[in-house]
Amino acid sequence: MTDLDSHQAAQSARRKPALPDAAALMAKLLWSVPETAFMCGVGVRTVWRLMADPDSGFPTPRRVRGRTLLARDEVLAFLAKGASR
């Protein structure tokens, strides 16, 4: 008699999380650092560097319940100046 499992083997977990949906992000007023990085087309580390540099002109982050959030409109205005991409 053969030992057969009634369930298929689980798929291995992905190392990278799925990319967010740009249309869904545009509906949000506040973006997290990874969401901001995705919309700016840069890495998360670059967003942290821009926030740390007072001469960059990057929007000031807000701290809400221990999370760092950025206002969508301020980030889009920063991008409109052509400062990042």
N, C-alpha and C. Protein backbone atom coordinates (compact mmCIF):
# COMPACT_ATOMS: atom_id res chain seq x y z
N MET A 1 0.84 -1.17 0.00
CA MET A 1 0.00 0.00 0.00
C MET A 1 0.89 1.24 0.00
N THR A 2 0.51 2.23 -0.78
CA THR A 2 1.31 3.44 -0.92
C THR A 2 0.78 4.54 -0.01
N ASP A 3 1.69 5.26 0.62
CA ASP A 3 1.28 6.39 1.45
C ASP A 3 1.08 7.62 0.56
N LEU A 4 -0.15 7.96 0.32
CA LEU A 4 -0.48 9.13 -0.49
C LEU A 4 -1.09 10.19 0.42
N ASP A 5 -0.65 11.39 0.20
CA ASP A 5 -1.19 12.51 0.98
C ASP A 5 -2.36 13.10 0.22
N SER A 6 -3.43 13.41 0.91
CA SER A 6 -4.61 13.96 0.23
C SER A 6 -4.44 15.44 -0.10
N HIS A 7 -3.41 16.07 0.44
CA HIS A 7 -3.16 17.49 0.18
C HIS A 7 -1.89 17.65 -0.65
N GLN A 8 -1.90 18.64 -1.51
CA GLN A 8 -0.70 18.94 -2.27
C GLN A 8 0.30 19.65 -1.38
N ALA A 9 1.53 19.57 -1.78
CA ALA A 9 2.57 20.26 -1.02
C ALA A 9 2.36 21.77 -1.11
N ALA A 10 2.60 22.45 -0.03
CA ALA A 10 2.44 23.91 0.00
C ALA A 10 3.51 24.56 -0.86
N GLN A 11 3.13 25.67 -1.48
CA GLN A 11 4.10 26.41 -2.28
C GLN A 11 5.05 27.13 -1.34
N SER A 12 6.27 27.28 -1.79
CA SER A 12 7.24 27.97 -0.94
C SER A 12 6.89 29.46 -0.91
N ALA A 13 7.21 30.08 0.20
CA ALA A 13 6.91 31.50 0.39
C ALA A 13 7.79 32.35 -0.51
N ARG A 14 7.26 33.46 -0.96
CA ARG A 14 8.05 34.38 -1.77
C ARG A 14 8.96 35.18 -0.87
N ARG A 15 10.12 35.49 -1.38
CA ARG A 15 11.07 36.27 -0.58
C ARG A 15 10.70 37.74 -0.58
N LYS A 16 10.15 38.22 -1.71
CA LYS A 16 9.77 39.62 -1.81
C LYS A 16 8.25 39.74 -1.72
N PRO A 17 7.76 40.76 -1.01
CA PRO A 17 6.31 40.94 -1.00
C PRO A 17 5.84 41.44 -2.37
N ALA A 18 4.58 41.24 -2.65
CA ALA A 18 4.01 41.68 -3.92
C ALA A 18 4.05 43.20 -4.00
N LEU A 19 4.23 43.72 -5.20
CA LEU A 19 4.24 45.16 -5.38
C LEU A 19 2.84 45.72 -5.16
N PRO A 20 2.75 46.90 -4.54
CA PRO A 20 1.42 47.48 -4.32
C PRO A 20 0.79 47.96 -5.63
N ASP A 21 -0.48 48.16 -5.60
CA ASP A 21 -1.22 48.64 -6.76
C ASP A 21 -1.15 50.16 -6.77
N ALA A 22 -0.67 50.75 -7.86
CA ALA A 22 -0.50 52.21 -7.94
C ALA A 22 -1.83 52.94 -7.83
N ALA A 23 -2.88 52.40 -8.42
CA ALA A 23 -4.19 53.06 -8.35
C ALA A 23 -4.72 53.07 -6.92
N ALA A 24 -4.52 51.98 -6.20
CA ALA A 24 -4.96 51.92 -4.80
C ALA A 24 -4.15 52.88 -3.94
N LEU A 25 -2.86 53.02 -4.23
CA LEU A 25 -2.03 53.95 -3.45
C LEU A 25 -2.43 55.40 -3.68
N MET A 26 -2.84 55.73 -4.90
CA MET A 26 -3.25 57.10 -5.19
C MET A 26 -4.51 57.49 -4.42
N ALA A 27 -5.30 56.52 -4.00
CA ALA A 27 -6.51 56.79 -3.23
C ALA A 27 -6.21 57.06 -1.76
N LYS A 28 -5.04 56.66 -1.29
CA LYS A 28 -4.66 56.86 0.11
C LYS A 28 -4.07 58.25 0.30
N LEU A 29 -4.35 58.89 1.44
CA LEU A 29 -3.80 60.22 1.73
C LEU A 29 -2.39 60.15 2.31
N LEU A 30 -2.10 59.08 3.05
CA LEU A 30 -0.79 58.92 3.66
C LEU A 30 -0.16 57.63 3.17
N TRP A 31 1.12 57.71 2.86
CA TRP A 31 1.87 56.55 2.37
C TRP A 31 2.93 56.15 3.37
N SER A 32 3.17 54.85 3.48
CA SER A 32 4.28 54.36 4.29
C SER A 32 5.58 54.56 3.50
N VAL A 33 6.69 54.31 4.14
CA VAL A 33 7.98 54.48 3.46
C VAL A 33 8.12 53.52 2.27
N PRO A 34 7.78 52.23 2.40
CA PRO A 34 7.86 51.36 1.22
C PRO A 34 6.92 51.77 0.09
N GLU A 35 5.73 52.25 0.43
CA GLU A 35 4.80 52.72 -0.60
C GLU A 35 5.34 53.96 -1.30
N THR A 36 5.93 54.85 -0.53
CA THR A 36 6.53 56.06 -1.10
C THR A 36 7.67 55.70 -2.03
N ALA A 37 8.50 54.75 -1.61
CA ALA A 37 9.62 54.32 -2.45
C ALA A 37 9.12 53.74 -3.76
N PHE A 38 8.06 52.94 -3.71
CA PHE A 38 7.49 52.35 -4.91
C PHE A 38 6.99 53.43 -5.86
N MET A 39 6.26 54.40 -5.32
CA MET A 39 5.69 55.45 -6.17
C MET A 39 6.76 56.39 -6.72
N CYS A 40 7.87 56.55 -6.00
CA CYS A 40 8.96 57.41 -6.48
C CYS A 40 9.91 56.67 -7.41
N GLY A 41 9.83 55.37 -7.42
CA GLY A 41 10.72 54.58 -8.27
C GLY A 41 12.14 54.49 -7.72
N VAL A 42 12.26 54.56 -6.40
CA VAL A 42 13.56 54.45 -5.74
C VAL A 42 13.46 53.38 -4.66
N GLY A 43 14.56 53.12 -4.01
CA GLY A 43 14.59 52.14 -2.93
C GLY A 43 14.15 52.75 -1.61
N VAL A 44 13.79 51.88 -0.68
CA VAL A 44 13.35 52.32 0.64
C VAL A 44 14.47 53.10 1.34
N ARG A 45 15.69 52.61 1.18
CA ARG A 45 16.83 53.29 1.81
C ARG A 45 17.00 54.72 1.28
N THR A 46 16.73 54.91 -0.01
CA THR A 46 16.83 56.25 -0.59
C THR A 46 15.80 57.19 0.01
N VAL A 47 14.60 56.68 0.27
CA VAL A 47 13.56 57.51 0.91
C VAL A 47 14.02 57.93 2.30
N TRP A 48 14.60 56.99 3.06
CA TRP A 48 15.10 57.34 4.40
C TRP A 48 16.21 58.37 4.30
N ARG A 49 17.08 58.24 3.31
CA ARG A 49 18.16 59.22 3.15
C ARG A 49 17.60 60.60 2.81
N LEU A 50 16.62 60.64 1.92
CA LEU A 50 16.02 61.92 1.56
C LEU A 50 15.34 62.57 2.75
N MET A 51 14.69 61.78 3.59
CA MET A 51 14.04 62.33 4.78
C MET A 51 15.07 62.85 5.77
N ALA A 52 16.24 62.25 5.83
CA ALA A 52 17.27 62.65 6.77
C ALA A 52 18.04 63.88 6.31
N ASP A 53 18.02 64.17 5.01
CA ASP A 53 18.77 65.30 4.46
C ASP A 53 17.88 66.54 4.41
N PRO A 54 18.16 67.55 5.24
CA PRO A 54 17.31 68.75 5.25
C PRO A 54 17.41 69.56 3.96
N ASP A 55 18.47 69.39 3.19
CA ASP A 55 18.64 70.15 1.95
C ASP A 55 17.95 69.49 0.76
N SER A 56 17.40 68.31 0.92
CA SER A 56 16.81 67.60 -0.21
C SER A 56 15.46 68.18 -0.62
N GLY A 57 14.77 68.81 0.31
CA GLY A 57 13.45 69.34 0.01
C GLY A 57 12.36 68.28 0.08
N PHE A 58 12.72 67.09 0.55
CA PHE A 58 11.75 66.01 0.66
C PHE A 58 10.75 66.34 1.77
N PRO A 59 9.48 65.96 1.61
CA PRO A 59 8.47 66.28 2.63
C PRO A 59 8.82 65.74 4.01
N THR A 60 8.37 66.45 5.00
CA THR A 60 8.59 66.04 6.39
C THR A 60 7.66 64.88 6.73
N PRO A 61 8.21 63.80 7.27
CA PRO A 61 7.36 62.65 7.62
C PRO A 61 6.53 62.92 8.86
N ARG A 62 5.46 62.18 8.99
CA ARG A 62 4.61 62.25 10.17
C ARG A 62 4.73 60.92 10.91
N ARG A 63 4.70 60.98 12.23
CA ARG A 63 4.74 59.77 13.04
C ARG A 63 3.34 59.54 13.60
N VAL A 64 2.74 58.42 13.23
CA VAL A 64 1.40 58.09 13.69
C VAL A 64 1.45 56.70 14.30
N ARG A 65 1.24 56.62 15.60
CA ARG A 65 1.25 55.34 16.33
C ARG A 65 2.49 54.51 16.02
N GLY A 66 3.63 55.14 15.99
CA GLY A 66 4.89 54.44 15.77
C GLY A 66 5.21 54.17 14.32
N ARG A 67 4.38 54.62 13.39
CA ARG A 67 4.63 54.42 11.96
C ARG A 67 5.07 55.73 11.35
N THR A 68 5.95 55.66 10.38
CA THR A 68 6.39 56.83 9.64
C THR A 68 5.58 56.91 8.36
N LEU A 69 4.83 58.01 8.21
CA LEU A 69 3.97 58.19 7.06
C LEU A 69 4.27 59.51 6.37
N LEU A 70 4.05 59.54 5.07
CA LEU A 70 4.27 60.75 4.28
C LEU A 70 2.98 61.12 3.57
N ALA A 71 2.71 62.42 3.49
CA ALA A 71 1.51 62.89 2.81
C ALA A 71 1.66 62.70 1.30
N ARG A 72 0.67 62.07 0.69
CA ARG A 72 0.71 61.77 -0.74
C ARG A 72 0.91 63.03 -1.58
N ASP A 73 0.15 64.09 -1.28
CA ASP A 73 0.22 65.30 -2.09
C ASP A 73 1.59 65.98 -2.00
N GLU A 74 2.21 65.93 -0.83
CA GLU A 74 3.54 66.53 -0.67
C GLU A 74 4.59 65.74 -1.45
N VAL A 75 4.47 64.43 -1.45
CA VAL A 75 5.41 63.59 -2.19
C VAL A 75 5.24 63.81 -3.70
N LEU A 76 3.99 63.89 -4.15
CA LEU A 76 3.74 64.13 -5.58
C LEU A 76 4.24 65.51 -6.00
N ALA A 77 4.13 66.51 -5.12
CA ALA A 77 4.66 67.84 -5.43
C ALA A 77 6.18 67.79 -5.52
N PHE A 78 6.81 67.02 -4.65
CA PHE A 78 8.27 66.85 -4.70
C PHE A 78 8.68 66.20 -6.01
N LEU A 79 7.93 65.19 -6.45
CA LEU A 79 8.24 64.52 -7.70
C LEU A 79 8.00 65.44 -8.91
N ALA A 80 6.99 66.30 -8.81
CA ALA A 80 6.68 67.21 -9.90
C ALA A 80 7.82 68.19 -10.14
N LYS A 81 8.57 68.51 -9.09
CA LYS A 81 9.72 69.40 -9.23
C LYS A 81 10.86 68.71 -9.98
N GLY A 82 10.76 67.41 -10.12
CA GLY A 82 11.81 66.65 -10.82
C GLY A 82 13.01 66.38 -9.95
N ALA A 83 12.81 66.41 -8.64
CA ALA A 83 13.92 66.28 -7.72
C ALA A 83 14.41 64.84 -7.57
N SER A 84 13.54 63.86 -7.82
CA SER A 84 13.96 62.50 -7.54
C SER A 84 14.27 61.71 -8.79
N ARG A 85 13.34 61.19 -9.46
CA ARG A 85 13.50 60.30 -10.60
C ARG A 85 14.65 60.73 -11.45
